[in-house]
Amino acid sequence: SGYMIQALGITSVLLGHSERRQYYNVTDETCNKQLHVAFKHNLIPILCVGETLEEREAGQTDVVVMRQMRMALDGVTTQQREQLVIAYEPIWAIGTGKVCDAAEANRTIAVIRREIGLAHTRILYGGSMKPDNVAELMKQPDIDGGLVGGASLDVDSFMQLVAAAVPVTA
């Protein structure tokens, strides 16, 4: 529960992650309910949105991501939106060996930024970020940081990723 998370001293929660959507039937409506609970307990929600390979190949990336955003943010105030962090995770690029080009990731994140209507909302990229692509991703004007998954499981890989990102963001 939100109360238990807060009592443990946790300050942020990850909502709508692609694996939760895939394996636990988390929906946009579920994300909306979870967002409201997070805000009620003064937690910073990190809302994940992204498209599958089929949706991407059908040219539906923007439609899918905007639907996820609109449904999840229903009833969320402007003040709450300012506290929100969004993570764009192209599902098709996670653990598949397929790479989302940095410019393409930036374009989609720019669409998300326009949809939310707040220039200062932090938007992260989370699609197989690795030491060899992090610098190019962090150079993009609309990408504020990374939501690192698998690359964080190996200490050496994660340290290389951080080392590659620091000169770009410093």
N, C-alpha and C. Protein backbone atom coordinates (compact mmCIF):
# COMPACT_ATOMS: atom_id res chain seq x y z
N SER A 1 0.84 -1.19 0.00
CA SER A 1 0.00 0.00 0.00
C SER A 1 0.88 1.25 0.00
N GLY A 2 0.29 2.36 -0.36
CA GLY A 2 1.02 3.62 -0.36
C GLY A 2 1.53 3.98 1.02
N TYR A 3 0.72 3.70 2.04
CA TYR A 3 1.13 4.00 3.42
C TYR A 3 2.36 3.19 3.81
N MET A 4 2.37 1.90 3.48
CA MET A 4 3.50 1.03 3.84
C MET A 4 4.78 1.48 3.12
N ILE A 5 4.64 1.83 1.86
CA ILE A 5 5.80 2.30 1.09
C ILE A 5 6.37 3.57 1.73
N GLN A 6 5.47 4.48 2.07
CA GLN A 6 5.90 5.73 2.70
C GLN A 6 6.55 5.46 4.05
N ALA A 7 5.98 4.54 4.84
CA ALA A 7 6.51 4.22 6.17
C ALA A 7 7.92 3.63 6.09
N LEU A 8 8.25 3.00 4.98
CA LEU A 8 9.58 2.44 4.79
C LEU A 8 10.62 3.49 4.38
N GLY A 9 10.15 4.72 4.16
CA GLY A 9 11.06 5.79 3.78
C GLY A 9 11.31 5.88 2.29
N ILE A 10 10.55 5.13 1.53
CA ILE A 10 10.69 5.16 0.07
C ILE A 10 10.05 6.45 -0.44
N THR A 11 10.69 7.11 -1.38
CA THR A 11 10.19 8.41 -1.84
C THR A 11 9.61 8.39 -3.25
N SER A 12 9.88 7.33 -4.01
CA SER A 12 9.35 7.28 -5.38
C SER A 12 8.93 5.86 -5.72
N VAL A 13 8.02 5.77 -6.69
CA VAL A 13 7.50 4.47 -7.12
C VAL A 13 7.47 4.41 -8.64
N LEU A 14 7.73 3.23 -9.18
CA LEU A 14 7.71 3.00 -10.62
C LEU A 14 6.36 2.42 -10.98
N LEU A 15 5.64 3.08 -11.88
CA LEU A 15 4.29 2.66 -12.26
C LEU A 15 4.21 2.40 -13.76
N GLY A 16 3.51 1.33 -14.14
CA GLY A 16 3.25 1.06 -15.55
C GLY A 16 4.43 0.49 -16.31
N HIS A 17 5.42 -0.07 -15.61
CA HIS A 17 6.57 -0.65 -16.30
C HIS A 17 6.09 -1.72 -17.26
N SER A 18 6.76 -1.84 -18.40
CA SER A 18 6.32 -2.76 -19.46
C SER A 18 6.17 -4.20 -18.97
N GLU A 19 7.04 -4.65 -18.09
CA GLU A 19 6.93 -6.03 -17.60
C GLU A 19 5.72 -6.19 -16.69
N ARG A 20 5.38 -5.17 -15.92
CA ARG A 20 4.17 -5.22 -15.09
C ARG A 20 2.93 -5.22 -15.99
N ARG A 21 2.97 -4.42 -17.05
CA ARG A 21 1.84 -4.40 -17.98
C ARG A 21 1.69 -5.76 -18.66
N GLN A 22 2.81 -6.36 -19.05
CA GLN A 22 2.77 -7.62 -19.78
C GLN A 22 2.40 -8.81 -18.90
N TYR A 23 3.04 -8.93 -17.75
CA TYR A 23 2.88 -10.14 -16.94
C TYR A 23 1.83 -10.04 -15.85
N TYR A 24 1.46 -8.83 -15.45
CA TYR A 24 0.51 -8.67 -14.35
C TYR A 24 -0.74 -7.90 -14.75
N ASN A 25 -0.95 -7.75 -16.04
CA ASN A 25 -2.14 -7.09 -16.58
C ASN A 25 -2.37 -5.69 -16.02
N VAL A 26 -1.30 -4.96 -15.78
CA VAL A 26 -1.43 -3.56 -15.37
C VAL A 26 -1.91 -2.78 -16.59
N THR A 27 -2.97 -2.02 -16.42
CA THR A 27 -3.57 -1.25 -17.51
C THR A 27 -3.34 0.24 -17.27
N ASP A 28 -3.74 1.04 -18.24
CA ASP A 28 -3.67 2.49 -18.08
C ASP A 28 -4.56 2.94 -16.92
N GLU A 29 -5.70 2.28 -16.75
CA GLU A 29 -6.61 2.59 -15.65
C GLU A 29 -5.95 2.26 -14.31
N THR A 30 -5.26 1.12 -14.26
CA THR A 30 -4.53 0.75 -13.04
C THR A 30 -3.48 1.81 -12.73
N CYS A 31 -2.77 2.24 -13.75
CA CYS A 31 -1.74 3.28 -13.56
C CYS A 31 -2.36 4.55 -13.00
N ASN A 32 -3.54 4.90 -13.48
CA ASN A 32 -4.22 6.09 -13.00
C ASN A 32 -4.53 5.97 -11.50
N LYS A 33 -5.05 4.83 -11.10
CA LYS A 33 -5.36 4.62 -9.68
C LYS A 33 -4.08 4.66 -8.84
N GLN A 34 -3.03 4.03 -9.35
CA GLN A 34 -1.76 4.02 -8.63
C GLN A 34 -1.15 5.41 -8.53
N LEU A 35 -1.30 6.22 -9.58
CA LEU A 35 -0.80 7.60 -9.54
C LEU A 35 -1.48 8.38 -8.42
N HIS A 36 -2.80 8.25 -8.33
CA HIS A 36 -3.54 8.97 -7.30
C HIS A 36 -3.12 8.52 -5.90
N VAL A 37 -2.90 7.22 -5.72
CA VAL A 37 -2.43 6.71 -4.42
C VAL A 37 -1.04 7.26 -4.12
N ALA A 38 -0.17 7.27 -5.11
CA ALA A 38 1.19 7.79 -4.92
C ALA A 38 1.14 9.25 -4.47
N PHE A 39 0.35 10.06 -5.15
CA PHE A 39 0.26 11.47 -4.79
C PHE A 39 -0.33 11.65 -3.40
N LYS A 40 -1.32 10.83 -3.05
CA LYS A 40 -1.96 10.90 -1.73
C LYS A 40 -0.93 10.67 -0.63
N HIS A 41 0.07 9.84 -0.90
CA HIS A 41 1.08 9.50 0.11
C HIS A 41 2.41 10.23 -0.12
N ASN A 42 2.34 11.32 -0.89
CA ASN A 42 3.52 12.16 -1.14
C ASN A 42 4.70 11.39 -1.72
N LEU A 43 4.40 10.44 -2.58
CA LEU A 43 5.43 9.68 -3.28
C LEU A 43 5.61 10.28 -4.67
N ILE A 44 6.80 10.22 -5.20
CA ILE A 44 7.06 10.70 -6.56
C ILE A 44 6.85 9.53 -7.51
N PRO A 45 5.82 9.62 -8.35
CA PRO A 45 5.59 8.52 -9.30
C PRO A 45 6.45 8.67 -10.55
N ILE A 46 6.98 7.55 -11.00
CA ILE A 46 7.68 7.48 -12.28
C ILE A 46 6.79 6.64 -13.18
N LEU A 47 6.11 7.30 -14.11
CA LEU A 47 5.14 6.64 -14.99
C LEU A 47 5.82 6.19 -16.27
N CYS A 48 5.76 4.89 -16.54
CA CYS A 48 6.35 4.33 -17.75
C CYS A 48 5.31 4.23 -18.86
N VAL A 49 5.69 4.67 -20.05
CA VAL A 49 4.84 4.54 -21.23
C VAL A 49 5.71 4.07 -22.39
N GLY A 50 5.10 3.37 -23.33
CA GLY A 50 5.86 2.90 -24.48
C GLY A 50 5.07 1.95 -25.34
N GLU A 51 5.57 1.73 -26.55
CA GLU A 51 4.86 0.94 -27.56
C GLU A 51 5.55 -0.38 -27.83
N THR A 52 4.77 -1.34 -28.30
CA THR A 52 5.31 -2.64 -28.71
C THR A 52 5.88 -2.53 -30.12
N LEU A 53 6.56 -3.58 -30.56
CA LEU A 53 7.10 -3.61 -31.92
C LEU A 53 5.98 -3.53 -32.95
N GLU A 54 4.89 -4.24 -32.71
CA GLU A 54 3.77 -4.23 -33.65
C GLU A 54 3.18 -2.83 -33.77
N GLU A 55 3.02 -2.15 -32.64
CA GLU A 55 2.49 -0.78 -32.65
C GLU A 55 3.46 0.17 -33.36
N ARG A 56 4.73 -0.01 -33.13
CA ARG A 56 5.74 0.83 -33.79
C ARG A 56 5.70 0.64 -35.30
N GLU A 57 5.70 -0.64 -35.73
CA GLU A 57 5.70 -0.94 -37.17
C GLU A 57 4.43 -0.47 -37.86
N ALA A 58 3.34 -0.35 -37.10
CA ALA A 58 2.09 0.15 -37.65
C ALA A 58 2.03 1.68 -37.63
N GLY A 59 3.12 2.32 -37.19
CA GLY A 59 3.16 3.78 -37.15
C GLY A 59 2.31 4.37 -36.04
N GLN A 60 2.09 3.61 -34.97
CA GLN A 60 1.19 4.02 -33.90
C GLN A 60 1.89 4.50 -32.63
N THR A 61 3.18 4.71 -32.69
CA THR A 61 3.92 5.10 -31.48
C THR A 61 3.28 6.27 -30.76
N ASP A 62 3.07 7.38 -31.47
CA ASP A 62 2.52 8.58 -30.82
C ASP A 62 1.11 8.32 -30.29
N VAL A 63 0.29 7.62 -31.06
CA VAL A 63 -1.09 7.33 -30.64
C VAL A 63 -1.09 6.52 -29.35
N VAL A 64 -0.27 5.48 -29.31
CA VAL A 64 -0.22 4.60 -28.14
C VAL A 64 0.29 5.34 -26.91
N VAL A 65 1.38 6.06 -27.07
CA VAL A 65 1.97 6.76 -25.94
C VAL A 65 1.03 7.85 -25.43
N MET A 66 0.37 8.57 -26.33
CA MET A 66 -0.57 9.61 -25.91
C MET A 66 -1.79 9.01 -25.20
N ARG A 67 -2.26 7.87 -25.69
CA ARG A 67 -3.39 7.20 -25.01
C ARG A 67 -2.98 6.81 -23.59
N GLN A 68 -1.81 6.22 -23.46
CA GLN A 68 -1.34 5.82 -22.14
C GLN A 68 -1.24 7.03 -21.21
N MET A 69 -0.71 8.12 -21.72
CA MET A 69 -0.57 9.35 -20.92
C MET A 69 -1.93 9.90 -20.51
N ARG A 70 -2.82 10.05 -21.47
CA ARG A 70 -4.12 10.65 -21.18
C ARG A 70 -4.90 9.84 -20.16
N MET A 71 -4.89 8.53 -20.32
CA MET A 71 -5.65 7.67 -19.41
C MET A 71 -5.01 7.65 -18.02
N ALA A 72 -3.71 7.56 -17.96
CA ALA A 72 -3.03 7.51 -16.66
C ALA A 72 -3.14 8.84 -15.91
N LEU A 73 -3.16 9.95 -16.65
CA LEU A 73 -3.16 11.27 -16.02
C LEU A 73 -4.55 11.85 -15.78
N ASP A 74 -5.59 11.07 -16.05
CA ASP A 74 -6.95 11.55 -15.84
C ASP A 74 -7.15 11.95 -14.37
N GLY A 75 -7.56 13.19 -14.17
CA GLY A 75 -7.82 13.67 -12.81
C GLY A 75 -6.57 14.11 -12.06
N VAL A 76 -5.42 14.09 -12.70
CA VAL A 76 -4.17 14.52 -12.07
C VAL A 76 -4.03 16.03 -12.27
N THR A 77 -3.82 16.75 -11.19
CA THR A 77 -3.75 18.21 -11.25
C THR A 77 -2.43 18.68 -11.86
N THR A 78 -2.40 19.95 -12.24
CA THR A 78 -1.18 20.55 -12.77
C THR A 78 -0.07 20.48 -11.73
N GLN A 79 -0.39 20.75 -10.48
CA GLN A 79 0.61 20.69 -9.41
C GLN A 79 1.18 19.27 -9.29
N GLN A 80 0.33 18.26 -9.40
CA GLN A 80 0.79 16.88 -9.34
C GLN A 80 1.64 16.54 -10.57
N ARG A 81 1.24 17.03 -11.73
CA ARG A 81 2.00 16.76 -12.96
C ARG A 81 3.42 17.32 -12.86
N GLU A 82 3.57 18.41 -12.12
CA GLU A 82 4.90 19.00 -11.95
C GLU A 82 5.82 18.11 -11.13
N GLN A 83 5.25 17.25 -10.29
CA GLN A 83 6.03 16.34 -9.45
C GLN A 83 6.31 15.01 -10.15
N LEU A 84 5.55 14.73 -11.17
CA LEU A 84 5.62 13.46 -11.89
C LEU A 84 6.91 13.33 -12.70
N VAL A 85 7.41 12.11 -12.78
CA VAL A 85 8.51 11.78 -13.69
C VAL A 85 7.94 10.78 -14.69
N ILE A 86 8.26 10.96 -15.95
CA ILE A 86 7.78 10.04 -16.99
C ILE A 86 8.98 9.32 -17.58
N ALA A 87 8.80 8.04 -17.86
CA ALA A 87 9.86 7.26 -18.50
C ALA A 87 9.31 6.69 -19.80
N TYR A 88 9.92 7.07 -20.91
CA TYR A 88 9.55 6.47 -22.19
C TYR A 88 10.39 5.23 -22.37
N GLU A 89 9.73 4.08 -22.44
CA GLU A 89 10.43 2.82 -22.65
C GLU A 89 9.83 2.11 -23.86
N PRO A 90 10.48 2.25 -25.01
CA PRO A 90 10.00 1.53 -26.20
C PRO A 90 10.14 0.03 -25.93
N ILE A 91 9.02 -0.62 -25.73
CA ILE A 91 9.01 -2.02 -25.31
C ILE A 91 9.80 -2.89 -26.28
N TRP A 92 9.72 -2.57 -27.55
CA TRP A 92 10.38 -3.36 -28.58
C TRP A 92 11.90 -3.31 -28.48
N ALA A 93 12.44 -2.34 -27.73
CA ALA A 93 13.89 -2.20 -27.61
C ALA A 93 14.43 -2.76 -26.30
N ILE A 94 13.57 -3.34 -25.49
CA ILE A 94 14.00 -3.83 -24.18
C ILE A 94 14.36 -5.31 -24.27
N GLY A 95 15.62 -5.59 -24.08
CA GLY A 95 16.09 -6.97 -24.06
C GLY A 95 15.97 -7.72 -25.37
N THR A 96 15.80 -7.00 -26.48
CA THR A 96 15.61 -7.66 -27.78
C THR A 96 16.82 -7.54 -28.69
N GLY A 97 17.74 -6.68 -28.32
CA GLY A 97 18.87 -6.42 -29.20
C GLY A 97 18.56 -5.32 -30.21
N LYS A 98 17.29 -4.93 -30.33
CA LYS A 98 16.91 -3.82 -31.21
C LYS A 98 17.21 -2.52 -30.47
N VAL A 99 17.63 -1.52 -31.22
CA VAL A 99 18.04 -0.26 -30.61
C VAL A 99 17.13 0.86 -31.09
N CYS A 100 16.69 1.69 -30.16
CA CYS A 100 15.94 2.89 -30.51
C CYS A 100 16.97 3.99 -30.74
N ASP A 101 16.99 4.51 -31.95
CA ASP A 101 17.89 5.60 -32.30
C ASP A 101 17.65 6.78 -31.35
N ALA A 102 18.72 7.44 -30.94
CA ALA A 102 18.63 8.55 -30.00
C ALA A 102 17.71 9.66 -30.51
N ALA A 103 17.79 9.98 -31.79
CA ALA A 103 16.92 11.02 -32.35
C ALA A 103 15.46 10.60 -32.32
N GLU A 104 15.20 9.32 -32.58
CA GLU A 104 13.83 8.80 -32.53
C GLU A 104 13.30 8.85 -31.09
N ALA A 105 14.13 8.46 -30.13
CA ALA A 105 13.73 8.53 -28.72
C ALA A 105 13.43 9.97 -28.34
N ASN A 106 14.28 10.89 -28.75
CA ASN A 106 14.07 12.30 -28.45
C ASN A 106 12.78 12.83 -29.07
N ARG A 107 12.48 12.41 -30.31
CA ARG A 107 11.25 12.86 -30.97
C ARG A 107 10.03 12.41 -30.18
N THR A 108 10.01 11.16 -29.75
CA THR A 108 8.86 10.65 -29.00
C THR A 108 8.76 11.35 -27.65
N ILE A 109 9.87 11.57 -27.00
CA ILE A 109 9.86 12.26 -25.71
C ILE A 109 9.39 13.71 -25.88
N ALA A 110 9.73 14.34 -26.98
CA ALA A 110 9.24 15.70 -27.26
C ALA A 110 7.72 15.70 -27.40
N VAL A 111 7.17 14.66 -28.02
CA VAL A 111 5.71 14.52 -28.15
C VAL A 111 5.10 14.39 -26.75
N ILE A 112 5.70 13.58 -25.91
CA ILE A 112 5.22 13.40 -24.53
C ILE A 112 5.27 14.73 -23.79
N ARG A 113 6.36 15.47 -23.95
CA ARG A 113 6.52 16.75 -23.26
C ARG A 113 5.43 17.74 -23.69
N ARG A 114 5.12 17.75 -24.99
CA ARG A 114 4.04 18.63 -25.47
C ARG A 114 2.70 18.19 -24.88
N GLU A 115 2.47 16.89 -24.80
CA GLU A 115 1.20 16.37 -24.28
C GLU A 115 1.00 16.75 -22.82
N ILE A 116 2.04 16.62 -22.02
CA ILE A 116 1.89 16.92 -20.60
C ILE A 116 1.76 18.42 -20.37
N GLY A 117 2.32 19.22 -21.27
CA GLY A 117 2.14 20.66 -21.21
C GLY A 117 2.98 21.38 -20.17
N LEU A 118 3.98 20.71 -19.64
CA LEU A 118 4.85 21.33 -18.65
C LEU A 118 6.30 21.13 -19.06
N ALA A 119 6.97 22.20 -19.35
CA ALA A 119 8.34 22.11 -19.87
C ALA A 119 9.32 21.51 -18.88
N HIS A 120 9.05 21.63 -17.59
CA HIS A 120 10.02 21.18 -16.58
C HIS A 120 9.78 19.77 -16.07
N THR A 121 8.77 19.09 -16.58
CA THR A 121 8.54 17.70 -16.17
C THR A 121 9.72 16.86 -16.63
N ARG A 122 10.27 16.06 -15.73
CA ARG A 122 11.42 15.22 -16.07
C ARG A 122 10.94 14.01 -16.87
N ILE A 123 11.57 13.79 -18.00
CA ILE A 123 11.23 12.65 -18.85
C ILE A 123 12.51 11.86 -19.12
N LEU A 124 12.45 10.59 -18.76
CA LEU A 124 13.60 9.69 -18.87
C LEU A 124 13.44 8.79 -20.08
N TYR A 125 14.56 8.24 -20.52
CA TYR A 125 14.53 7.22 -21.57
C TYR A 125 14.89 5.89 -20.94
N GLY A 126 14.14 4.85 -21.28
CA GLY A 126 14.37 3.55 -20.66
C GLY A 126 14.30 2.37 -21.61
N GLY A 127 14.97 2.42 -22.72
CA GLY A 127 14.92 1.30 -23.65
C GLY A 127 16.29 0.73 -23.94
N SER A 128 16.75 -0.18 -23.11
CA SER A 128 18.07 -0.80 -23.30
C SER A 128 19.19 0.23 -23.34
N MET A 129 19.21 1.07 -22.34
CA MET A 129 20.29 2.04 -22.21
C MET A 129 21.54 1.29 -21.79
N LYS A 130 22.62 1.52 -22.53
CA LYS A 130 23.88 0.80 -22.30
C LYS A 130 25.06 1.77 -22.39
N PRO A 131 26.24 1.32 -21.93
CA PRO A 131 27.40 2.22 -22.00
C PRO A 131 27.70 2.73 -23.41
N ASP A 132 27.38 1.94 -24.44
CA ASP A 132 27.71 2.37 -25.80
C ASP A 132 26.66 3.29 -26.43
N ASN A 133 25.50 3.50 -25.78
CA ASN A 133 24.51 4.41 -26.37
C ASN A 133 24.11 5.55 -25.43
N VAL A 134 24.54 5.51 -24.18
CA VAL A 134 24.08 6.49 -23.21
C VAL A 134 24.53 7.91 -23.55
N ALA A 135 25.74 8.10 -24.03
CA ALA A 135 26.22 9.45 -24.33
C ALA A 135 25.37 10.11 -25.41
N GLU A 136 25.07 9.38 -26.47
CA GLU A 136 24.25 9.94 -27.55
C GLU A 136 22.83 10.24 -27.06
N LEU A 137 22.28 9.37 -26.23
CA LEU A 137 20.94 9.61 -25.67
C LEU A 137 20.94 10.85 -24.78
N MET A 138 21.94 11.00 -23.94
CA MET A 138 21.98 12.13 -23.01
C MET A 138 22.26 13.46 -23.69
N LYS A 139 22.73 13.44 -24.93
CA LYS A 139 22.94 14.67 -25.70
C LYS A 139 21.63 15.23 -26.25
N GLN A 140 20.59 14.43 -26.26
CA GLN A 140 19.32 14.85 -26.84
C GLN A 140 18.64 15.89 -25.95
N PRO A 141 18.09 16.94 -26.53
CA PRO A 141 17.55 18.04 -25.73
C PRO A 141 16.34 17.70 -24.87
N ASP A 142 15.54 16.72 -25.27
CA ASP A 142 14.34 16.42 -24.49
C ASP A 142 14.49 15.25 -23.54
N ILE A 143 15.63 14.57 -23.56
CA ILE A 143 15.85 13.43 -22.66
C ILE A 143 16.57 13.94 -21.41
N ASP A 144 15.89 13.80 -20.26
CA ASP A 144 16.42 14.33 -19.00
C ASP A 144 17.24 13.34 -18.20
N GLY A 145 17.21 12.08 -18.58
CA GLY A 145 17.95 11.07 -17.83
C GLY A 145 17.57 9.69 -18.31
N GLY A 146 18.01 8.68 -17.57
CA GLY A 146 17.75 7.32 -17.98
C GLY A 146 17.08 6.49 -16.91
N LEU A 147 16.25 5.58 -17.35
CA LEU A 147 15.66 4.56 -16.49
C LEU A 147 16.40 3.28 -16.87
N VAL A 148 17.38 2.94 -16.07
CA VAL A 148 18.28 1.84 -16.41
C VAL A 148 17.76 0.54 -15.82
N GLY A 149 17.67 -0.47 -16.67
CA GLY A 149 17.19 -1.77 -16.23
C GLY A 149 18.31 -2.77 -16.16
N GLY A 150 18.39 -3.63 -17.17
CA GLY A 150 19.35 -4.72 -17.20
C GLY A 150 20.79 -4.29 -17.02
N ALA A 151 21.15 -3.13 -17.54
CA ALA A 151 22.54 -2.65 -17.43
C ALA A 151 22.92 -2.34 -15.99
N SER A 152 21.93 -2.22 -15.10
CA SER A 152 22.24 -1.94 -13.70
C SER A 152 22.52 -3.22 -12.91
N LEU A 153 22.28 -4.37 -13.51
CA LEU A 153 22.46 -5.63 -12.80
C LEU A 153 23.92 -6.06 -12.73
N ASP A 154 24.72 -5.56 -13.63
CA ASP A 154 26.15 -5.87 -13.65
C ASP A 154 26.90 -4.61 -13.23
N VAL A 155 27.62 -4.69 -12.12
CA VAL A 155 28.28 -3.50 -11.56
C VAL A 155 29.21 -2.84 -12.56
N ASP A 156 30.03 -3.63 -13.24
CA ASP A 156 30.98 -3.05 -14.19
C ASP A 156 30.27 -2.34 -15.33
N SER A 157 29.23 -2.97 -15.86
CA SER A 157 28.45 -2.37 -16.95
C SER A 157 27.79 -1.07 -16.48
N PHE A 158 27.24 -1.10 -15.28
CA PHE A 158 26.57 0.08 -14.75
C PHE A 158 27.57 1.22 -14.53
N MET A 159 28.73 0.91 -14.01
CA MET A 159 29.75 1.93 -13.79
C MET A 159 30.22 2.52 -15.12
N GLN A 160 30.32 1.70 -16.16
CA GLN A 160 30.68 2.20 -17.48
C GLN A 160 29.59 3.12 -18.02
N LEU A 161 28.33 2.75 -17.79
CA LEU A 161 27.21 3.56 -18.23
C LEU A 161 27.25 4.92 -17.55
N VAL A 162 27.42 4.93 -16.25
CA VAL A 162 27.48 6.19 -15.50
C VAL A 162 28.67 7.03 -15.98
N ALA A 163 29.81 6.40 -16.15
CA ALA A 163 31.00 7.13 -16.61
C ALA A 163 30.79 7.75 -17.98
N ALA A 164 30.07 7.06 -18.85
CA ALA A 164 29.79 7.59 -20.19
C ALA A 164 28.77 8.71 -20.14
N ALA A 165 27.86 8.67 -19.17
CA ALA A 165 26.80 9.68 -19.08
C ALA A 165 27.27 10.96 -18.40
N VAL A 166 28.13 10.85 -17.43
CA VAL A 166 28.53 12.01 -16.63
C VAL A 166 29.12 13.15 -17.45
N PRO A 167 30.04 12.92 -18.38
CA PRO A 167 30.58 14.06 -19.15
C PRO A 167 29.52 14.79 -19.96
N VAL A 168 28.49 14.09 -20.37
CA VAL A 168 27.44 14.69 -21.19
C VAL A 168 26.52 15.54 -20.34
N THR A 169 26.24 15.10 -19.11
CA THR A 169 25.27 15.79 -18.27
C THR A 169 25.91 16.79 -17.31
N ALA A 170 27.22 16.78 -17.21
CA ALA A 170 27.90 17.68 -16.25
C ALA A 170 27.93 19.10 -16.74
